[in-house]
Amino acid sequence: MKLPFNFNISLKIFLGYFALVGLAAWFVLTIFVNEVKPGVRQAMENSLVDTAHVLAELATEDVKRNQIQHGHFAKSIQHYLARISNANIWGIQKHSTDYRIYITNRYGIVIYDSANLALGQDYANWNDVYLTLRGKYGVRSSPAIAGDANQDTVMYVAAPIKDGNAIIGSLTVAKPNRTLLPFIERAQRKIIQWGALLFVLSIFIGGLFTWRFTTKIHKLRDYALRVSKGEKAMPPTSSNDELAELALAMQTMRNELDGKQYVQDSVQHLTHELKSPITAIQGAAELISPHMPEEAQTHFLTQIKTQSNRLQTIIQNMLGLATLEHQQQLHHLTQLNLKALVDTQIAHLSDKATQRSVQFKCIASTMITIKADAFLLGQAIYNVLENALDFSPSGSTINVYIRQTLEHAEICIEDQGTGIPDYALSKILNKFYSLPRPNTGQKSTGLGLNFVLEVMKLHHAEFSLQNRPDVGVTATFSLPLS
């Protein structure tokens, strides 16, 4: 049967633990509580046995002389009953004497009763008397009011009165079981209180364990989801050996899969991109000859040199991008002044900008510092600035705005070029995709903007390209402040 809702792993673990602890707590508490009452009664019975035997020895002489009613033993018992008790037994006050003592002759007839309830009655058939007169252990527990099973019970323990080896009577010590109730109730109350505290503590520990365990599981899940989306992610660490091994296995699997897919993609793209310069080199090499005019030779040699440089650039950029794509975190973080970093990259392009009669303007409303990799971020900014320069018409200006929002620092680079064609908007950031430069008609390697994307992923930042409403393109870096 399908449940109308789903339990996540956290709830399953917690409910399982809760059920286990709850069952164990219920079982232990039930056993303890059920054992308290008989345990206390057994302890009382043990003390009554000793008391009965001591009193039996003390009453023996009066029984043998037939003066048990008025002898020394009877007087001592009267003095005992007249005493006022004021004992504090582990926090429970005792104010009364609780023993009832009666003695029978060898035939079971009561000849002495401290409570004057059964004098002269035949107790021969009561277990305490019946068994004791036959040399056995005599004990019984009976209702305080005969025939009323709902009344409190009284425990009776008997000991034989002997003349030599002959049993001449029995002495019974009786004590109401209700006198034990305060002790039983207190013990049960403490057991339940400590049991409840232990149960609550166990639930807290179980909840903490469940939270810690499922947090690690969720981190593994999030890592797998980020990997599936192609995002930069480091495998989570864990003090749990099994979870650490699972994270390591997932990282190894990712590296293996990424490596195979990367090789396939790279070979495919590289083969496609190398065809054009290699074809140009082959064509120039086939056409050049010692007998052609010097001007034609120079043209073809220049073509071979240009295409060779392009091959070298593609290979170098591919190697750099491959290293970057497999890098999962930044290793050289420093505090950077964004204005100073942008100015440095602009300075690197100053000669090229002068040749094109293009001007750079960097505007920062305030000094903004972030924690980043200076080399990688600088190279990413350089790539975008160079790209803007290549597509800017002569005599134009490239504006760079550096500003701060609540949580991000932004670098906006605005050129005055022709913008990105609609068909290229969705592909402009793809690897090896490039548009022809307006001035030369040549294409770049198509790796520069993809490099920028990888750098932004490592910085947990964002990069976007948008056509401006009037003219040109706006490239925006959005970097976290912390």
Protein backbone atom coordinates (compact mmCIF):
# COMPACT_ATOMS: atom_id res chain seq x y z
CA MET A 1 0.00 0.00 0.00
CA LYS A 2 1.39 3.38 -1.00
CA LEU A 3 1.48 5.97 1.76
CA PRO A 4 -0.10 9.37 1.01
CA PHE A 5 3.16 11.08 2.03
CA ASN A 6 6.88 10.31 1.92
CA PHE A 7 9.23 10.01 4.89
CA ASN A 8 12.69 11.45 4.33
CA ILE A 9 15.72 9.66 5.73
CA SER A 10 15.98 12.01 8.74
CA LEU A 11 12.44 11.23 9.86
CA LYS A 12 12.88 7.51 9.26
CA ILE A 13 16.04 7.35 11.35
CA PHE A 14 14.53 9.46 14.13
CA LEU A 15 11.27 7.49 14.24
CA GLY A 16 13.18 4.22 14.27
CA TYR A 17 15.37 5.46 17.11
CA PHE A 18 12.33 6.88 18.91
CA ALA A 19 10.47 3.57 18.63
CA LEU A 20 13.51 1.62 19.86
CA VAL A 21 14.18 3.92 22.82
CA GLY A 22 10.48 4.18 23.63
CA LEU A 23 10.03 0.40 23.62
CA ALA A 24 13.15 -0.12 25.73
CA ALA A 25 12.08 2.61 28.18
CA TRP A 26 8.56 1.20 28.47
CA PHE A 27 9.91 -2.31 29.02
CA VAL A 28 12.46 -1.24 31.65
CA LEU A 29 10.04 1.03 33.50
CA THR A 30 7.31 -1.61 33.47
CA ILE A 31 9.67 -4.25 34.86
CA PHE A 32 11.02 -1.87 37.52
CA VAL A 33 7.61 -0.67 38.63
CA ASN A 34 6.18 -4.17 38.69
CA GLU A 35 9.14 -5.40 40.71
CA VAL A 36 9.07 -2.62 43.30
CA LYS A 37 5.96 -3.78 45.16
CA PRO A 38 6.88 -7.48 45.48
CA GLY A 39 10.47 -6.50 46.22
CA VAL A 40 9.49 -4.30 49.15
CA ARG A 41 7.08 -6.97 50.44
CA GLN A 42 9.78 -9.61 50.24
CA ALA A 43 12.06 -7.35 52.27
CA MET A 44 9.30 -6.88 54.87
CA GLU A 45 8.64 -10.62 55.01
CA ASN A 46 12.33 -11.23 55.62
CA SER A 47 12.33 -8.83 58.60
CA LEU A 48 9.08 -10.37 59.94
CA VAL A 49 10.68 -13.82 59.92
CA ASP A 50 13.51 -12.65 62.15
CA THR A 51 11.12 -10.72 64.38
CA ALA A 52 8.81 -13.74 64.80
CA HIS A 53 11.67 -16.04 65.79
CA VAL A 54 13.08 -13.56 68.30
CA LEU A 55 9.65 -13.02 69.90
CA ALA A 56 8.98 -16.77 69.92
CA GLU A 57 12.10 -17.29 71.99
CA LEU A 58 11.10 -14.51 74.37
CA ALA A 59 7.56 -15.92 74.82
CA THR A 60 8.59 -19.56 75.34
CA GLU A 61 8.90 -19.48 79.14
CA ASP A 62 5.54 -17.75 79.66
CA VAL A 63 3.83 -20.28 77.37
CA LYS A 64 5.41 -23.21 79.20
CA ARG A 65 4.20 -21.78 82.57
CA ASN A 66 0.70 -21.03 81.21
CA GLN A 67 1.06 -17.33 82.09
CA ILE A 68 1.27 -15.84 78.63
CA GLN A 69 -1.71 -13.56 79.31
CA HIS A 70 -0.12 -11.79 82.27
CA GLY A 71 3.54 -12.73 82.11
CA HIS A 72 6.64 -10.74 81.38
CA PHE A 73 6.18 -11.14 77.61
CA ALA A 74 2.64 -9.70 77.59
CA LYS A 75 3.73 -6.70 79.68
CA SER A 76 6.62 -5.99 77.33
CA ILE A 77 4.31 -6.07 74.35
CA GLN A 78 1.90 -3.66 76.08
CA HIS A 79 4.77 -1.27 76.72
CA TYR A 80 5.75 -1.58 73.02
CA LEU A 81 2.21 -0.79 71.87
CA ALA A 82 2.07 2.23 74.18
CA ARG A 83 5.22 3.76 72.71
CA ILE A 84 4.85 6.80 70.43
CA SER A 85 7.05 6.44 67.38
CA ASN A 86 8.47 9.53 65.68
CA ALA A 87 10.90 8.13 63.15
CA ASN A 88 11.92 9.71 59.85
CA ILE A 89 12.63 6.85 57.47
CA TRP A 90 14.27 8.28 54.32
CA GLY A 91 11.88 11.19 54.30
CA ILE A 92 8.75 9.26 55.37
CA GLN A 93 7.44 9.89 58.89
CA LYS A 94 6.38 6.94 61.09
CA HIS A 95 4.11 7.78 64.04
CA SER A 96 2.49 4.43 65.03
CA THR A 97 3.32 0.86 65.97
CA ASP A 98 2.15 -1.54 63.30
CA TYR A 99 2.81 -5.04 64.65
CA ARG A 100 0.03 -7.34 65.80
CA ILE A 101 1.23 -10.44 67.68
CA TYR A 102 -0.78 -13.51 68.54
CA ILE A 103 0.19 -16.88 70.03
CA THR A 104 -1.56 -20.26 69.71
CA ASN A 105 -1.12 -23.45 71.65
CA ARG A 106 -0.16 -26.73 70.02
CA TYR A 107 -3.78 -27.20 68.87
CA GLY A 108 -4.05 -23.85 67.08
CA ILE A 109 -6.20 -22.10 69.71
CA VAL A 110 -5.26 -18.44 70.22
CA ILE A 111 -4.00 -17.98 73.78
CA TYR A 112 -2.63 -14.48 73.37
CA ASP A 113 -3.52 -11.58 71.01
CA SER A 114 -1.92 -8.13 71.36
CA ALA A 115 -4.95 -6.62 69.59
CA ASN A 116 -7.51 -8.63 71.65
CA LEU A 117 -9.32 -9.65 68.45
CA ALA A 118 -9.08 -13.42 68.37
CA LEU A 119 -8.43 -14.66 71.88
CA GLY A 120 -9.83 -18.24 72.24
CA GLN A 121 -10.50 -18.62 68.49
CA ASP A 122 -9.38 -21.64 66.51
CA TYR A 123 -6.65 -20.60 64.04
CA ALA A 124 -5.53 -24.14 63.36
CA ASN A 125 -6.52 -23.95 59.70
CA TRP A 126 -4.75 -20.66 58.92
CA ASN A 127 -1.61 -21.30 56.90
CA ASP A 128 0.73 -19.46 59.26
CA VAL A 129 -0.40 -21.58 62.24
CA TYR A 130 -1.15 -24.81 60.38
CA LEU A 131 2.28 -25.02 58.69
CA THR A 132 4.27 -23.82 61.69
CA LEU A 133 2.74 -26.39 64.07
CA ARG A 134 3.88 -29.05 61.58
CA GLY A 135 7.47 -27.82 61.52
CA LYS A 136 7.19 -25.90 58.25
CA TYR A 137 7.53 -22.27 57.31
CA GLY A 138 4.21 -20.62 58.02
CA VAL A 139 3.19 -17.44 56.23
CA ARG A 140 0.02 -15.96 54.76
CA SER A 141 -1.36 -12.70 53.37
CA SER A 142 -5.06 -12.09 54.00
CA PRO A 143 -7.50 -9.18 53.65
CA ALA A 144 -7.69 -6.91 56.67
CA ILE A 145 -11.44 -7.66 56.73
CA ALA A 146 -12.15 -11.33 56.13
CA GLY A 147 -13.95 -12.00 52.84
CA ASP A 148 -13.35 -8.52 51.38
CA ALA A 149 -10.83 -8.95 48.57
CA ASN A 150 -10.80 -5.19 47.89
CA GLN A 151 -9.53 -4.35 51.37
CA ASP A 152 -5.88 -3.84 52.30
CA THR A 153 -4.05 -7.04 53.04
CA VAL A 154 -2.05 -8.05 56.09
CA MET A 155 1.04 -10.24 56.05
CA TYR A 156 1.33 -12.91 58.75
CA VAL A 157 4.62 -14.67 59.50
CA ALA A 158 4.82 -17.34 62.20
CA ALA A 159 7.60 -19.01 64.16
CA PRO A 160 7.35 -22.15 66.35
CA ILE A 161 7.45 -22.05 70.15
CA LYS A 162 9.41 -25.07 71.33
CA ASP A 163 9.97 -27.04 74.50
CA GLY A 164 13.18 -28.77 73.60
CA ASN A 165 12.46 -30.30 70.21
CA ALA A 166 8.70 -30.40 70.68
CA ILE A 167 6.53 -27.66 69.17
CA ILE A 168 4.15 -26.44 71.86
CA GLY A 169 2.68 -23.48 70.01
CA SER A 170 3.21 -20.78 67.34
CA LEU A 171 3.80 -17.06 67.45
CA THR A 172 2.63 -14.93 64.55
CA VAL A 173 3.72 -11.39 63.75
CA ALA A 174 1.31 -9.51 61.49
CA LYS A 175 1.86 -6.24 59.69
CA PRO A 176 -0.51 -4.43 57.26
CA ASN A 177 0.84 -4.16 53.73
CA ARG A 178 -0.52 -0.60 53.55
CA THR A 179 2.37 0.52 55.76
CA LEU A 180 4.61 -0.18 52.78
CA LEU A 181 2.64 1.99 50.35
CA PRO A 182 4.56 5.25 51.03
CA PHE A 183 7.84 3.49 50.28
CA ILE A 184 6.46 1.73 47.21
CA GLU A 185 4.89 4.91 45.84
CA ARG A 186 8.05 6.92 46.44
CA ALA A 187 10.19 4.29 44.71
CA GLN A 188 7.80 4.10 41.76
CA ARG A 189 7.65 7.88 41.54
CA LYS A 190 11.43 8.21 41.47
CA ILE A 191 11.77 5.42 38.92
CA ILE A 192 9.21 7.09 36.65
CA GLN A 193 10.83 10.52 37.08
CA TRP A 194 14.32 9.28 36.29
CA GLY A 195 12.97 7.10 33.54
CA ALA A 196 11.22 10.09 31.96
CA LEU A 197 14.40 12.16 32.25
CA LEU A 198 16.42 9.36 30.67
CA PHE A 199 13.84 9.05 27.92
CA VAL A 200 13.94 12.78 27.15
CA LEU A 201 17.75 12.73 27.21
CA SER A 202 17.77 9.74 24.88
CA ILE A 203 15.42 11.53 22.47
CA PHE A 204 17.66 14.61 22.54
CA ILE A 205 20.77 12.52 21.86
CA GLY A 206 18.91 10.62 19.16
CA GLY A 207 17.78 13.86 17.55
CA LEU A 208 21.33 15.25 17.65
CA PHE A 209 22.74 12.05 16.15
CA THR A 210 20.06 12.01 13.47
CA TRP A 211 20.71 15.66 12.63
CA ARG A 212 24.47 15.18 12.36
CA PHE A 213 24.14 12.01 10.30
CA THR A 214 21.52 13.35 7.90
CA THR A 215 23.44 16.63 7.53
CA LYS A 216 26.35 14.61 6.16
CA ILE A 217 23.99 12.70 3.87
CA HIS A 218 22.46 15.95 2.62
CA LYS A 219 25.92 17.36 1.93
CA LEU A 220 26.69 14.29 -0.16
CA ARG A 221 23.38 14.70 -1.97
CA ASP A 222 24.06 18.39 -2.63
CA TYR A 223 27.55 17.54 -3.88
CA ALA A 224 26.12 14.97 -6.29
CA LEU A 225 23.50 17.47 -7.53
CA ARG A 226 26.13 20.17 -8.10
CA VAL A 227 28.32 17.69 -9.95
CA SER A 228 25.38 16.66 -12.14
CA LYS A 229 24.90 20.34 -13.05
CA GLY A 230 28.57 20.73 -13.91
CA GLU A 231 29.23 23.14 -11.04
CA LYS A 232 32.46 23.49 -9.09
CA ALA A 233 32.22 21.52 -5.86
CA MET A 234 34.51 19.93 -3.31
CA PRO A 235 33.46 16.59 -1.78
CA PRO A 236 32.23 17.00 1.82
CA THR A 237 34.45 15.82 4.63
CA SER A 238 33.18 13.59 7.43
CA SER A 239 34.48 12.06 10.65
CA ASN A 240 32.39 8.99 9.82
CA ASP A 241 34.64 6.49 8.02
CA GLU A 242 31.87 5.07 5.83
CA LEU A 243 30.60 8.51 4.76
CA ALA A 244 34.16 9.69 4.12
CA GLU A 245 34.75 6.64 1.92
CA LEU A 246 31.48 7.31 0.09
CA ALA A 247 32.48 10.93 -0.55
CA LEU A 248 35.89 9.80 -1.80
CA ALA A 249 34.25 7.21 -4.07
CA MET A 250 31.91 9.86 -5.47
CA GLN A 251 34.83 12.20 -6.13
CA THR A 252 36.78 9.42 -7.86
CA MET A 253 33.76 8.54 -9.97
CA ARG A 254 33.29 12.20 -10.87
CA ASN A 255 36.94 12.57 -11.89
CA GLU A 256 36.75 9.43 -14.01
CA LEU A 257 33.53 10.48 -15.73
CA ASP A 258 34.64 14.09 -16.14
CA GLY A 259 37.95 12.95 -17.55
CA LYS A 260 36.40 10.65 -20.14
CA GLN A 261 33.77 13.17 -21.18
CA TYR A 262 36.31 15.98 -21.26
CA VAL A 263 38.65 13.99 -23.51
CA GLN A 264 35.81 13.19 -25.89
CA ASP A 265 34.58 16.79 -26.02
CA SER A 266 38.06 18.25 -26.26
CA VAL A 267 39.16 15.94 -29.07
CA GLN A 268 36.00 16.71 -30.99
CA HIS A 269 36.28 20.49 -30.55
CA LEU A 270 40.04 20.57 -31.02
CA THR A 271 39.82 18.53 -34.22
CA HIS A 272 37.23 20.93 -35.57
CA GLU A 273 39.19 24.06 -34.60
CA LEU A 274 42.54 22.80 -35.88
CA LYS A 275 41.18 21.97 -39.32
CA SER A 276 41.03 25.61 -40.40
CA PRO A 277 44.63 26.70 -39.58
CA ILE A 278 46.10 23.36 -40.70
CA THR A 279 44.23 23.59 -44.02
CA ALA A 280 45.51 27.16 -44.45
CA ILE A 281 49.08 26.10 -43.71
CA GLN A 282 48.87 23.15 -46.10
CA GLY A 283 47.39 25.31 -48.84
CA ALA A 284 50.07 27.97 -48.43
CA ALA A 285 52.82 25.34 -48.34
CA GLU A 286 51.55 23.73 -51.56
CA LEU A 287 51.25 27.04 -53.42
CA ILE A 288 54.56 28.59 -52.41
CA SER A 289 57.49 27.94 -54.79
CA PRO A 290 60.97 29.40 -55.40
CA HIS A 291 59.92 30.78 -58.80
CA MET A 292 56.94 32.88 -57.66
CA PRO A 293 57.32 36.60 -57.07
CA GLU A 294 58.86 37.64 -53.78
CA GLU A 295 55.71 39.49 -52.80
CA ALA A 296 53.63 36.30 -53.17
CA GLN A 297 56.17 34.28 -51.20
CA THR A 298 56.04 36.82 -48.38
CA HIS A 299 52.23 36.64 -48.38
CA PHE A 300 52.16 32.86 -48.09
CA LEU A 301 54.96 32.78 -45.48
CA THR A 302 53.05 35.35 -43.42
CA GLN A 303 49.95 33.20 -43.74
CA ILE A 304 51.86 30.12 -42.52
CA LYS A 305 53.31 32.08 -39.59
CA THR A 306 49.90 33.54 -38.63
CA GLN A 307 48.17 30.17 -38.71
CA SER A 308 51.04 28.53 -36.79
CA ASN A 309 50.70 31.16 -34.07
CA ARG A 310 46.97 30.51 -34.00
CA LEU A 311 47.61 26.77 -33.56
CA GLN A 312 49.97 27.50 -30.69
CA THR A 313 47.44 29.87 -29.07
CA ILE A 314 44.65 27.29 -29.34
CA ILE A 315 46.78 24.58 -27.75
CA GLN A 316 48.01 26.84 -24.93
CA ASN A 317 44.50 28.08 -24.19
CA MET A 318 43.16 24.54 -24.21
CA LEU A 319 45.79 23.43 -21.70
CA GLY A 320 45.06 26.41 -19.43
CA LEU A 321 41.32 25.89 -19.64
CA ALA A 322 41.68 22.15 -18.97
CA THR A 323 43.61 22.90 -15.78
CA LEU A 324 41.02 25.43 -14.72
CA GLU A 325 38.04 23.16 -15.43
CA HIS A 326 39.44 20.42 -13.19
CA GLN A 327 40.27 22.83 -10.38
CA GLN A 328 37.57 22.59 -7.68
CA GLN A 329 38.60 25.42 -5.39
CA LEU A 330 40.81 28.51 -5.23
CA HIS A 331 44.25 28.15 -3.65
CA HIS A 332 45.64 31.71 -3.64
CA LEU A 333 43.05 34.03 -2.13
CA THR A 334 44.07 37.60 -1.24
CA GLN A 335 42.32 40.88 -0.45
CA LEU A 336 42.06 42.82 -3.72
CA ASN A 337 41.23 46.43 -4.56
CA LEU A 338 38.95 46.04 -7.59
CA LYS A 339 39.74 49.48 -9.02
CA ALA A 340 43.48 48.79 -8.89
CA LEU A 341 43.00 45.34 -10.45
CA VAL A 342 40.94 46.74 -13.35
CA ASP A 343 43.41 49.60 -13.90
CA THR A 344 46.24 47.06 -14.17
CA GLN A 345 44.45 45.11 -16.91
CA ILE A 346 43.61 48.32 -18.77
CA ALA A 347 47.31 49.26 -18.65
CA HIS A 348 48.19 45.90 -20.29
CA LEU A 349 45.91 46.84 -23.21
CA SER A 350 46.98 50.46 -23.51
CA ASP A 351 49.20 50.01 -26.60
CA LYS A 352 46.54 48.04 -28.46
CA ALA A 353 43.88 50.61 -27.48
CA THR A 354 46.08 53.47 -28.70
CA GLN A 355 46.53 51.77 -32.07
CA ARG A 356 42.75 51.43 -32.38
CA SER A 357 42.09 54.97 -31.05
CA VAL A 358 39.88 53.50 -28.34
CA GLN A 359 39.77 54.96 -24.84
CA PHE A 360 39.12 53.17 -21.51
CA LYS A 361 37.37 54.94 -18.63
CA CYS A 362 37.17 53.25 -15.19
CA ILE A 363 34.71 54.77 -12.73
CA ALA A 364 34.43 53.62 -9.08
CA SER A 365 32.20 55.45 -6.61
CA THR A 366 34.06 54.01 -3.63
CA MET A 367 36.97 51.73 -2.81
CA ILE A 368 35.77 48.12 -2.94
CA THR A 369 37.86 45.18 -1.76
CA ILE A 370 37.06 41.49 -2.10
CA LYS A 371 38.80 38.21 -1.40
CA ALA A 372 39.79 36.57 -4.69
CA ASP A 373 42.55 34.98 -6.75
CA ALA A 374 44.38 37.99 -8.22
CA PHE A 375 45.87 36.19 -11.22
CA LEU A 376 42.73 34.33 -12.34
CA LEU A 377 40.33 37.22 -11.77
CA GLY A 378 42.74 39.63 -13.45
CA GLN A 379 43.02 37.31 -16.47
CA ALA A 380 39.21 37.04 -16.69
CA ILE A 381 38.81 40.82 -16.63
CA TYR A 382 41.59 41.15 -19.23
CA ASN A 383 39.82 38.68 -21.56
CA VAL A 384 36.54 40.63 -21.40
CA LEU A 385 38.30 44.01 -21.85
CA GLU A 386 40.23 42.67 -24.85
CA ASN A 387 37.03 41.23 -26.30
CA ALA A 388 35.30 44.63 -25.90
CA LEU A 389 38.29 46.33 -27.53
CA ASP A 390 38.21 43.99 -30.53
CA PHE A 391 34.53 44.77 -31.20
CA SER A 392 34.72 48.55 -30.52
CA PRO A 393 34.90 50.98 -33.43
CA SER A 394 37.81 53.42 -33.67
CA GLY A 395 37.37 56.59 -31.69
CA SER A 396 34.91 55.00 -29.23
CA THR A 397 35.07 54.71 -25.45
CA ILE A 398 34.83 51.60 -23.27
CA ASN A 399 33.37 52.49 -19.86
CA VAL A 400 34.07 50.33 -16.79
CA TYR A 401 31.84 50.88 -13.75
CA ILE A 402 32.73 49.40 -10.35
CA ARG A 403 29.92 49.50 -7.79
CA GLN A 404 28.72 47.71 -4.67
CA THR A 405 25.32 46.27 -3.75
CA LEU A 406 24.25 44.78 -0.42
CA GLU A 407 25.97 41.44 -0.99
CA HIS A 408 27.96 41.79 -4.23
CA ALA A 409 30.61 43.82 -5.97
CA GLU A 410 29.89 44.44 -9.66
CA ILE A 411 32.18 45.25 -12.57
CA CYS A 412 30.25 46.41 -15.65
CA ILE A 413 32.14 46.80 -18.93
CA GLU A 414 30.22 48.70 -21.63
CA ASP A 415 31.47 48.98 -25.22
CA GLN A 416 30.01 50.84 -28.21
CA GLY A 417 30.27 48.05 -30.77
CA THR A 418 27.61 46.46 -32.96
CA GLY A 419 26.40 44.11 -30.24
CA ILE A 420 25.85 40.35 -30.32
CA PRO A 421 23.60 38.96 -33.09
CA ASP A 422 20.44 37.28 -31.83
CA TYR A 423 21.49 33.88 -33.18
CA ALA A 424 24.73 34.04 -31.16
CA LEU A 425 23.33 35.17 -27.79
CA SER A 426 22.75 31.64 -26.53
CA LYS A 427 26.11 30.34 -27.81
CA ILE A 428 28.52 33.20 -27.23
CA LEU A 429 29.85 31.71 -23.95
CA ASN A 430 30.30 28.20 -25.35
CA LYS A 431 33.73 26.73 -25.78
CA PHE A 432 35.28 27.38 -29.25
CA TYR A 433 32.43 29.64 -30.31
CA SER A 434 33.62 32.96 -31.71
CA LEU A 435 32.35 35.79 -33.88
CA PRO A 436 34.50 37.40 -36.60
CA ARG A 437 36.22 40.64 -35.58
CA PRO A 438 34.77 43.69 -37.38
CA ASN A 439 38.17 45.03 -38.50
CA THR A 440 39.95 41.85 -39.62
CA GLY A 441 37.14 39.34 -40.10
CA GLN A 442 39.21 36.79 -38.17
CA LYS A 443 37.90 34.70 -35.28
CA SER A 444 39.53 34.09 -31.92
CA THR A 445 40.04 30.66 -30.37
CA GLY A 446 36.62 30.92 -28.71
CA LEU A 447 38.11 29.98 -25.34
CA GLY A 448 38.42 33.39 -23.67
CA LEU A 449 34.84 33.82 -22.48
CA ASN A 450 34.62 30.16 -21.45
CA PHE A 451 37.73 30.77 -19.36
CA VAL A 452 35.91 33.69 -17.72
CA LEU A 453 32.97 31.42 -16.85
CA GLU A 454 35.26 28.87 -15.18
CA VAL A 455 36.99 31.58 -13.14
CA MET A 456 33.58 32.88 -12.00
CA LYS A 457 32.50 29.39 -10.95
CA LEU A 458 35.57 29.05 -8.75
CA HIS A 459 34.76 32.39 -7.13
CA HIS A 460 31.08 31.41 -6.69
CA ALA A 461 30.33 34.46 -8.82
CA GLU A 462 28.30 35.19 -11.95
CA PHE A 463 29.10 36.56 -15.39
CA SER A 464 26.65 37.75 -18.05
CA LEU A 465 26.62 39.42 -21.48
CA GLN A 466 23.72 41.60 -22.64
CA ASN A 467 23.14 43.85 -25.61
CA ARG A 468 22.64 47.47 -24.62
CA PRO A 469 19.38 49.16 -25.72
CA ASP A 470 21.13 51.64 -27.99
CA VAL A 471 24.51 50.28 -29.05
CA GLY A 472 27.16 47.85 -27.81
CA VAL A 473 27.32 45.16 -25.15
CA THR A 474 27.40 45.19 -21.34
CA ALA A 475 29.53 42.49 -19.65
CA THR A 476 28.84 42.15 -15.91
CA PHE A 477 30.91 40.45 -13.21
CA SER A 478 28.97 39.89 -9.96
CA LEU A 479 31.32 38.84 -7.15
CA PRO A 480 30.38 38.02 -3.53
CA LEU A 481 31.74 40.48 -0.99
CA SER A 482 32.65 37.78 1.55
